[in-house]
Amino acid sequence: MSTAALVVAEDDVHLSSDIVKDYIKQLRAIDTYDTYAGWSEAKIIDPVVLTKERKQGIPVIGDPDEITIARLKAYYNSLATLIEKKTGLMAAPIVHLSHEGFGRALIMVGKLIVVDKILRDTHRFGFASLEDLCEKTDKVIEKALGLIEKYNAAATD
């Protein structure tokens, strides 16, 4: 069995972004068997990057495996952590999935839902590149911070 080549370069500038650093920390935290021991950050985050070629290798219809679900949950944990760091308010992620990979991801701050994402085809969860991951995350966090500012009473309640 051959191992696939990494698509994330060891010197990728996005490896130093807040979301990628925290995401890697979350992935290491759920690695109960020390699979990632000795792995570089690029190798740990690499499976999250789904290039067109990688996506073509995943069936259009399928159930998500436990590893993919864990990566999805780690991403929303990272989002919540970053929101918490930027606001000083506790952010709680909630991910609910059916066995078929359909569901919803929420992040709550106080009584305010600041992130609400419908999840479909989670067996194909990933990002086109680390740059794509950073851009999409920045947009989500910016929107969440705007909601917290606008509805501060609900967020601090």
N, C-alpha and C. Protein backbone atom coordinates (compact mmCIF):
# COMPACT_ATOMS: atom_id res chain seq x y z
N MET A 1 0.85 -1.18 0.00
CA MET A 1 0.00 0.00 0.00
C MET A 1 0.89 1.23 0.00
N SER A 2 0.67 2.13 -0.92
CA SER A 2 1.48 3.35 -0.99
C SER A 2 0.78 4.48 -0.25
N THR A 3 1.57 5.37 0.28
CA THR A 3 1.00 6.52 0.97
C THR A 3 0.89 7.67 -0.02
N ALA A 4 -0.19 8.40 0.08
CA ALA A 4 -0.43 9.52 -0.83
C ALA A 4 0.50 10.68 -0.46
N ALA A 5 0.87 11.43 -1.45
CA ALA A 5 1.73 12.59 -1.23
C ALA A 5 0.96 13.68 -0.50
N LEU A 6 1.67 14.42 0.33
CA LEU A 6 1.04 15.53 1.05
C LEU A 6 0.80 16.68 0.10
N VAL A 7 -0.32 17.37 0.28
CA VAL A 7 -0.60 18.56 -0.54
C VAL A 7 -0.29 19.84 0.23
N VAL A 8 -0.09 19.72 1.52
CA VAL A 8 0.27 20.88 2.34
C VAL A 8 1.79 20.89 2.48
N ALA A 9 2.40 21.97 2.03
CA ALA A 9 3.86 22.09 2.12
C ALA A 9 4.27 22.39 3.57
N GLU A 10 5.42 21.90 3.93
CA GLU A 10 5.94 22.12 5.29
C GLU A 10 6.16 23.60 5.59
N ASP A 11 6.36 24.41 4.54
CA ASP A 11 6.62 25.84 4.74
C ASP A 11 5.42 26.71 4.34
N ASP A 12 4.23 26.12 4.29
CA ASP A 12 3.02 26.87 3.93
C ASP A 12 2.81 27.99 4.95
N VAL A 13 2.64 29.21 4.47
CA VAL A 13 2.49 30.37 5.36
C VAL A 13 1.24 30.28 6.23
N HIS A 14 0.24 29.54 5.78
CA HIS A 14 -1.02 29.44 6.52
C HIS A 14 -0.91 28.52 7.74
N LEU A 15 0.18 27.76 7.85
CA LEU A 15 0.38 26.91 9.02
C LEU A 15 0.53 27.74 10.29
N SER A 16 0.88 29.01 10.15
CA SER A 16 1.05 29.88 11.32
C SER A 16 -0.21 30.68 11.65
N SER A 17 -1.30 30.47 10.90
CA SER A 17 -2.54 31.21 11.18
C SER A 17 -3.18 30.65 12.45
N ASP A 18 -3.99 31.47 13.09
CA ASP A 18 -4.63 31.08 14.35
C ASP A 18 -5.50 29.85 14.19
N ILE A 19 -6.30 29.80 13.12
CA ILE A 19 -7.21 28.67 12.95
C ILE A 19 -6.44 27.38 12.73
N VAL A 20 -5.42 27.41 11.92
CA VAL A 20 -4.67 26.18 11.63
C VAL A 20 -3.94 25.71 12.89
N LYS A 21 -3.32 26.63 13.62
CA LYS A 21 -2.62 26.24 14.85
C LYS A 21 -3.59 25.63 15.86
N ASP A 22 -4.76 26.26 16.02
CA ASP A 22 -5.72 25.74 16.99
C ASP A 22 -6.33 24.42 16.50
N TYR A 23 -6.60 24.33 15.21
CA TYR A 23 -7.15 23.10 14.63
C TYR A 23 -6.19 21.93 14.86
N ILE A 24 -4.91 22.17 14.65
CA ILE A 24 -3.91 21.12 14.88
C ILE A 24 -3.89 20.73 16.36
N LYS A 25 -4.02 21.73 17.23
CA LYS A 25 -4.07 21.44 18.67
C LYS A 25 -5.28 20.58 19.01
N GLN A 26 -6.43 20.89 18.40
CA GLN A 26 -7.64 20.10 18.63
C GLN A 26 -7.47 18.67 18.10
N LEU A 27 -6.86 18.54 16.92
CA LEU A 27 -6.64 17.21 16.35
C LEU A 27 -5.68 16.39 17.21
N ARG A 28 -4.65 17.03 17.73
CA ARG A 28 -3.74 16.31 18.63
C ARG A 28 -4.46 15.88 19.90
N ALA A 29 -5.38 16.71 20.38
CA ALA A 29 -6.09 16.40 21.62
C ALA A 29 -6.98 15.16 21.49
N ILE A 30 -7.51 14.91 20.30
CA ILE A 30 -8.38 13.74 20.13
C ILE A 30 -7.61 12.50 19.68
N ASP A 31 -6.31 12.64 19.54
CA ASP A 31 -5.45 11.53 19.12
C ASP A 31 -5.07 10.69 20.35
N THR A 32 -5.96 9.83 20.78
CA THR A 32 -5.75 9.06 22.01
C THR A 32 -4.68 7.99 21.88
N TYR A 33 -4.36 7.58 20.67
CA TYR A 33 -3.36 6.52 20.48
C TYR A 33 -1.99 7.06 20.04
N ASP A 34 -1.80 8.36 20.13
CA ASP A 34 -0.53 9.00 19.74
C ASP A 34 -0.12 8.70 18.31
N THR A 35 -1.10 8.62 17.43
CA THR A 35 -0.83 8.41 16.01
C THR A 35 -0.02 9.57 15.46
N TYR A 36 -0.30 10.78 15.95
CA TYR A 36 0.36 11.98 15.43
C TYR A 36 1.71 12.25 16.07
N ALA A 37 2.15 11.41 16.99
CA ALA A 37 3.44 11.63 17.64
C ALA A 37 4.55 11.64 16.59
N GLY A 38 5.32 12.70 16.58
CA GLY A 38 6.41 12.81 15.63
C GLY A 38 6.01 13.34 14.26
N TRP A 39 4.72 13.55 14.05
CA TRP A 39 4.25 14.07 12.76
C TRP A 39 4.44 15.58 12.72
N SER A 40 4.71 16.09 11.54
CA SER A 40 4.79 17.55 11.37
C SER A 40 3.37 18.12 11.35
N GLU A 41 3.28 19.41 11.55
CA GLU A 41 1.97 20.08 11.51
C GLU A 41 1.34 19.93 10.13
N ALA A 42 2.15 20.01 9.09
CA ALA A 42 1.63 19.87 7.72
C ALA A 42 1.01 18.49 7.52
N LYS A 43 1.63 17.47 8.05
CA LYS A 43 1.11 16.10 7.88
C LYS A 43 -0.19 15.90 8.66
N ILE A 44 -0.30 16.53 9.82
CA ILE A 44 -1.51 16.40 10.64
C ILE A 44 -2.70 17.07 9.95
N ILE A 45 -2.50 18.27 9.41
CA ILE A 45 -3.60 19.04 8.82
C ILE A 45 -3.89 18.62 7.38
N ASP A 46 -2.97 17.92 6.75
CA ASP A 46 -3.09 17.56 5.34
C ASP A 46 -4.41 16.87 4.96
N PRO A 47 -4.93 15.91 5.73
CA PRO A 47 -6.18 15.24 5.32
C PRO A 47 -7.39 16.16 5.23
N VAL A 48 -7.32 17.33 5.85
CA VAL A 48 -8.43 18.28 5.82
C VAL A 48 -8.48 19.00 4.48
N VAL A 49 -7.37 19.01 3.76
CA VAL A 49 -7.30 19.67 2.46
C VAL A 49 -7.75 18.68 1.39
N LEU A 50 -8.88 18.99 0.78
CA LEU A 50 -9.43 18.13 -0.27
C LEU A 50 -9.27 18.82 -1.62
N THR A 51 -8.23 18.47 -2.31
CA THR A 51 -8.04 18.98 -3.67
C THR A 51 -9.08 18.34 -4.57
N LYS A 52 -9.19 18.82 -5.80
CA LYS A 52 -10.15 18.23 -6.74
C LYS A 52 -9.88 16.74 -6.92
N GLU A 53 -8.61 16.38 -7.00
CA GLU A 53 -8.25 14.97 -7.19
C GLU A 53 -8.68 14.13 -5.99
N ARG A 54 -8.45 14.65 -4.79
CA ARG A 54 -8.86 13.91 -3.58
C ARG A 54 -10.38 13.80 -3.50
N LYS A 55 -11.06 14.87 -3.84
CA LYS A 55 -12.52 14.85 -3.78
C LYS A 55 -13.10 13.86 -4.77
N GLN A 56 -12.46 13.71 -5.94
CA GLN A 56 -12.94 12.75 -6.93
C GLN A 56 -12.82 11.33 -6.42
N GLY A 57 -11.90 11.08 -5.50
CA GLY A 57 -11.73 9.75 -4.94
C GLY A 57 -12.73 9.40 -3.86
N ILE A 58 -13.54 10.37 -3.46
CA ILE A 58 -14.56 10.14 -2.43
C ILE A 58 -15.91 10.01 -3.12
N PRO A 59 -16.68 8.95 -2.84
CA PRO A 59 -17.98 8.80 -3.50
C PRO A 59 -18.91 9.98 -3.20
N VAL A 60 -19.79 10.28 -4.13
CA VAL A 60 -20.74 11.39 -3.96
C VAL A 60 -21.70 11.08 -2.82
N ILE A 61 -22.11 9.84 -2.70
CA ILE A 61 -23.02 9.43 -1.63
C ILE A 61 -22.27 8.47 -0.72
N GLY A 62 -22.34 8.72 0.58
CA GLY A 62 -21.68 7.84 1.53
C GLY A 62 -21.86 8.34 2.94
N ASP A 63 -21.60 7.45 3.87
CA ASP A 63 -21.68 7.80 5.28
C ASP A 63 -20.30 8.22 5.77
N PRO A 64 -20.24 9.23 6.65
CA PRO A 64 -18.93 9.66 7.15
C PRO A 64 -18.35 8.63 8.12
N ASP A 65 -17.03 8.49 8.08
CA ASP A 65 -16.38 7.61 9.04
C ASP A 65 -16.07 8.39 10.31
N GLU A 66 -15.65 7.70 11.34
CA GLU A 66 -15.40 8.33 12.64
C GLU A 66 -14.28 9.36 12.57
N ILE A 67 -13.29 9.12 11.75
CA ILE A 67 -12.16 10.06 11.65
C ILE A 67 -12.63 11.37 11.03
N THR A 68 -13.45 11.30 10.00
CA THR A 68 -13.98 12.51 9.37
C THR A 68 -14.87 13.28 10.33
N ILE A 69 -15.70 12.57 11.07
CA ILE A 69 -16.56 13.22 12.07
C ILE A 69 -15.71 13.90 13.13
N ALA A 70 -14.65 13.24 13.57
CA ALA A 70 -13.76 13.83 14.57
C ALA A 70 -13.10 15.10 14.03
N ARG A 71 -12.69 15.09 12.76
CA ARG A 71 -12.09 16.28 12.15
C ARG A 71 -13.10 17.42 12.08
N LEU A 72 -14.35 17.10 11.72
CA LEU A 72 -15.41 18.10 11.65
C LEU A 72 -15.64 18.73 13.03
N LYS A 73 -15.76 17.89 14.05
CA LYS A 73 -15.98 18.40 15.40
C LYS A 73 -14.78 19.22 15.89
N ALA A 74 -13.58 18.79 15.54
CA ALA A 74 -12.38 19.54 15.93
C ALA A 74 -12.38 20.92 15.29
N TYR A 75 -12.86 21.01 14.05
CA TYR A 75 -12.93 22.31 13.37
C TYR A 75 -13.87 23.26 14.12
N TYR A 76 -15.05 22.78 14.48
CA TYR A 76 -16.00 23.65 15.19
C TYR A 76 -15.53 23.96 16.61
N ASN A 77 -14.79 23.04 17.23
CA ASN A 77 -14.17 23.35 18.53
C ASN A 77 -13.16 24.47 18.36
N SER A 78 -12.39 24.44 17.28
CA SER A 78 -11.41 25.48 17.00
C SER A 78 -12.08 26.83 16.77
N LEU A 79 -13.16 26.81 15.99
CA LEU A 79 -13.92 28.05 15.77
C LEU A 79 -14.38 28.64 17.10
N ALA A 80 -14.94 27.80 17.95
CA ALA A 80 -15.44 28.27 19.25
C ALA A 80 -14.30 28.82 20.09
N THR A 81 -13.16 28.16 20.06
CA THR A 81 -12.00 28.62 20.82
C THR A 81 -11.55 30.00 20.35
N LEU A 82 -11.50 30.20 19.04
CA LEU A 82 -11.08 31.50 18.51
C LEU A 82 -12.08 32.60 18.85
N ILE A 83 -13.36 32.29 18.77
CA ILE A 83 -14.39 33.27 19.14
C ILE A 83 -14.24 33.63 20.61
N GLU A 84 -14.00 32.62 21.43
CA GLU A 84 -13.82 32.84 22.86
C GLU A 84 -12.59 33.72 23.14
N LYS A 85 -11.50 33.47 22.43
CA LYS A 85 -10.28 34.28 22.61
C LYS A 85 -10.51 35.73 22.22
N LYS A 86 -11.29 35.95 21.15
CA LYS A 86 -11.50 37.32 20.64
C LYS A 86 -12.51 38.11 21.47
N THR A 87 -13.42 37.41 22.14
CA THR A 87 -14.48 38.11 22.87
C THR A 87 -14.33 38.04 24.39
N GLY A 88 -13.64 37.03 24.87
CA GLY A 88 -13.57 36.84 26.32
C GLY A 88 -14.81 36.18 26.87
N LEU A 89 -15.73 35.78 26.00
CA LEU A 89 -16.96 35.12 26.40
C LEU A 89 -16.90 33.64 26.02
N MET A 90 -17.46 32.78 26.88
CA MET A 90 -17.42 31.36 26.60
C MET A 90 -18.26 31.01 25.37
N ALA A 91 -17.67 30.27 24.46
CA ALA A 91 -18.35 29.83 23.24
C ALA A 91 -18.43 28.31 23.27
N ALA A 92 -19.62 27.78 23.04
CA ALA A 92 -19.84 26.34 23.12
C ALA A 92 -20.28 25.80 21.76
N PRO A 93 -19.50 24.88 21.18
CA PRO A 93 -19.90 24.26 19.91
C PRO A 93 -20.85 23.09 20.15
N ILE A 94 -21.81 22.95 19.26
CA ILE A 94 -22.75 21.82 19.28
C ILE A 94 -22.82 21.28 17.87
N VAL A 95 -22.47 20.01 17.71
CA VAL A 95 -22.53 19.37 16.40
C VAL A 95 -23.46 18.17 16.51
N HIS A 96 -24.49 18.16 15.70
CA HIS A 96 -25.44 17.06 15.68
C HIS A 96 -25.48 16.49 14.26
N LEU A 97 -25.19 15.19 14.14
CA LEU A 97 -25.15 14.53 12.84
C LEU A 97 -25.96 13.24 12.86
N SER A 98 -26.61 12.96 11.75
CA SER A 98 -27.21 11.64 11.58
C SER A 98 -26.11 10.69 11.12
N HIS A 99 -26.40 9.41 11.11
CA HIS A 99 -25.40 8.43 10.66
C HIS A 99 -25.08 8.60 9.17
N GLU A 100 -25.96 9.30 8.45
CA GLU A 100 -25.74 9.54 7.02
C GLU A 100 -24.92 10.79 6.75
N GLY A 101 -24.60 11.56 7.79
CA GLY A 101 -23.76 12.73 7.62
C GLY A 101 -24.51 14.03 7.41
N PHE A 102 -25.78 14.05 7.75
CA PHE A 102 -26.56 15.29 7.65
C PHE A 102 -26.82 15.80 9.06
N GLY A 103 -26.79 17.11 9.22
CA GLY A 103 -27.04 17.66 10.54
C GLY A 103 -26.80 19.15 10.60
N ARG A 104 -26.36 19.58 11.76
CA ARG A 104 -26.21 21.00 12.00
C ARG A 104 -25.08 21.24 13.00
N ALA A 105 -24.35 22.31 12.78
CA ALA A 105 -23.32 22.75 13.72
C ALA A 105 -23.69 24.14 14.22
N LEU A 106 -23.68 24.30 15.52
CA LEU A 106 -23.99 25.59 16.14
C LEU A 106 -22.86 25.97 17.07
N ILE A 107 -22.65 27.25 17.23
CA ILE A 107 -21.78 27.75 18.28
C ILE A 107 -22.58 28.79 19.04
N MET A 108 -22.69 28.58 20.35
CA MET A 108 -23.46 29.47 21.20
C MET A 108 -22.52 30.26 22.10
N VAL A 109 -22.86 31.53 22.25
CA VAL A 109 -22.18 32.40 23.21
C VAL A 109 -23.29 32.94 24.10
N GLY A 110 -23.29 32.53 25.35
CA GLY A 110 -24.41 32.86 26.23
C GLY A 110 -25.66 32.19 25.69
N LYS A 111 -26.69 33.00 25.44
CA LYS A 111 -27.93 32.48 24.86
C LYS A 111 -28.04 32.80 23.37
N LEU A 112 -26.95 33.29 22.80
CA LEU A 112 -26.92 33.73 21.41
C LEU A 112 -26.24 32.68 20.53
N ILE A 113 -26.91 32.32 19.45
CA ILE A 113 -26.31 31.42 18.47
C ILE A 113 -25.56 32.30 17.48
N VAL A 114 -24.22 32.17 17.46
CA VAL A 114 -23.41 33.02 16.61
C VAL A 114 -22.95 32.32 15.34
N VAL A 115 -23.01 30.99 15.32
CA VAL A 115 -22.69 30.21 14.12
C VAL A 115 -23.78 29.17 13.98
N ASP A 116 -24.36 29.08 12.79
CA ASP A 116 -25.40 28.10 12.49
C ASP A 116 -25.14 27.57 11.09
N LYS A 117 -24.65 26.36 11.00
CA LYS A 117 -24.26 25.79 9.71
C LYS A 117 -24.99 24.47 9.50
N ILE A 118 -25.71 24.39 8.39
CA ILE A 118 -26.34 23.13 7.99
C ILE A 118 -25.23 22.24 7.42
N LEU A 119 -25.18 21.01 7.87
CA LEU A 119 -24.15 20.08 7.41
C LEU A 119 -24.75 19.05 6.46
N ARG A 120 -24.14 18.95 5.30
CA ARG A 120 -24.53 17.95 4.30
C ARG A 120 -23.26 17.30 3.78
N ASP A 121 -23.37 16.09 3.35
CA ASP A 121 -22.23 15.39 2.74
C ASP A 121 -20.97 15.52 3.59
N THR A 122 -21.10 15.26 4.88
CA THR A 122 -19.94 15.43 5.75
C THR A 122 -18.85 14.39 5.49
N HIS A 123 -19.18 13.35 4.75
CA HIS A 123 -18.12 12.40 4.40
C HIS A 123 -17.11 13.05 3.45
N ARG A 124 -17.47 14.21 2.89
CA ARG A 124 -16.58 14.97 2.00
C ARG A 124 -16.13 16.27 2.67
N PHE A 125 -16.10 16.30 4.01
CA PHE A 125 -15.72 17.51 4.74
C PHE A 125 -14.25 17.84 4.51
N GLY A 126 -14.00 19.07 4.19
CA GLY A 126 -12.63 19.54 3.99
C GLY A 126 -12.63 20.89 3.30
N PHE A 127 -11.45 21.37 3.02
CA PHE A 127 -11.26 22.67 2.39
C PHE A 127 -10.35 22.51 1.19
N ALA A 128 -10.51 23.37 0.20
CA ALA A 128 -9.72 23.28 -1.03
C ALA A 128 -8.23 23.51 -0.78
N SER A 129 -7.91 24.30 0.24
CA SER A 129 -6.52 24.60 0.59
C SER A 129 -6.51 25.19 2.00
N LEU A 130 -5.33 25.36 2.55
CA LEU A 130 -5.26 26.03 3.86
C LEU A 130 -5.69 27.48 3.74
N GLU A 131 -5.40 28.10 2.61
CA GLU A 131 -5.85 29.47 2.38
C GLU A 131 -7.37 29.54 2.42
N ASP A 132 -8.03 28.58 1.79
CA ASP A 132 -9.49 28.50 1.78
C ASP A 132 -10.01 28.32 3.20
N LEU A 133 -9.37 27.46 3.97
CA LEU A 133 -9.74 27.25 5.37
C LEU A 133 -9.66 28.56 6.14
N CYS A 134 -8.57 29.28 5.98
CA CYS A 134 -8.38 30.55 6.69
C CYS A 134 -9.41 31.60 6.27
N GLU A 135 -9.65 31.71 4.97
CA GLU A 135 -10.61 32.71 4.48
C GLU A 135 -12.02 32.42 4.98
N LYS A 136 -12.46 31.17 4.86
CA LYS A 136 -13.81 30.82 5.31
C LYS A 136 -13.96 31.00 6.82
N THR A 137 -12.94 30.64 7.55
CA THR A 137 -12.98 30.79 9.01
C THR A 137 -13.03 32.26 9.40
N ASP A 138 -12.24 33.09 8.74
CA ASP A 138 -12.25 34.53 9.04
C ASP A 138 -13.64 35.12 8.82
N LYS A 139 -14.32 34.71 7.75
CA LYS A 139 -15.67 35.20 7.48
C LYS A 139 -16.64 34.77 8.57
N VAL A 140 -16.56 33.52 8.99
CA VAL A 140 -17.46 33.01 10.03
C VAL A 140 -17.22 33.75 11.34
N ILE A 141 -15.96 33.94 11.69
CA ILE A 141 -15.64 34.61 12.95
C ILE A 141 -16.05 36.08 12.89
N GLU A 142 -15.83 36.73 11.77
CA GLU A 142 -16.23 38.13 11.62
C GLU A 142 -17.75 38.28 11.80
N LYS A 143 -18.50 37.37 11.19
CA LYS A 143 -19.96 37.41 11.33
C LYS A 143 -20.38 37.15 12.78
N ALA A 144 -19.72 36.19 13.43
CA ALA A 144 -20.02 35.87 14.83
C ALA A 144 -19.73 37.07 15.73
N LEU A 145 -18.60 37.73 15.51
CA LEU A 145 -18.25 38.90 16.33
C LEU A 145 -19.26 40.03 16.13
N GLY A 146 -19.74 40.18 14.89
CA GLY A 146 -20.77 41.18 14.61
C GLY A 146 -22.06 40.89 15.36
N LEU A 147 -22.46 39.62 15.40
CA LEU A 147 -23.67 39.23 16.13
C LEU A 147 -23.50 39.46 17.63
N ILE A 148 -22.34 39.14 18.15
CA ILE A 148 -22.08 39.35 19.58
C ILE A 148 -22.13 40.83 19.92
N GLU A 149 -21.58 41.66 19.06
CA GLU A 149 -21.62 43.10 19.30
C GLU A 149 -23.05 43.64 19.22
N LYS A 150 -23.80 43.16 18.24
CA LYS A 150 -25.16 43.64 18.04
C LYS A 150 -26.11 43.17 19.15
N TYR A 151 -25.94 41.92 19.57
CA TYR A 151 -26.85 41.34 20.57
C TYR A 151 -26.08 40.98 21.83
N ASN A 152 -25.33 41.95 22.34
CA ASN A 152 -24.45 41.71 23.47
C ASN A 152 -25.18 41.24 24.71
N ALA A 153 -26.39 41.72 24.93
CA ALA A 153 -27.15 41.31 26.12
C ALA A 153 -27.42 39.82 26.12
N ALA A 154 -27.75 39.26 24.97
CA ALA A 154 -28.00 37.81 24.87
C ALA A 154 -26.69 37.03 24.99
N ALA A 155 -25.62 37.58 24.48
CA ALA A 155 -24.32 36.89 24.51
C ALA A 155 -23.72 36.85 25.92
N THR A 156 -24.00 37.86 26.70
CA THR A 156 -23.43 37.91 28.06
C THR A 156 -24.40 37.40 29.10
N ASP A 157 -25.55 36.95 28.71
CA ASP A 157 -26.56 36.46 29.63
C ASP A 157 -26.27 35.06 30.08
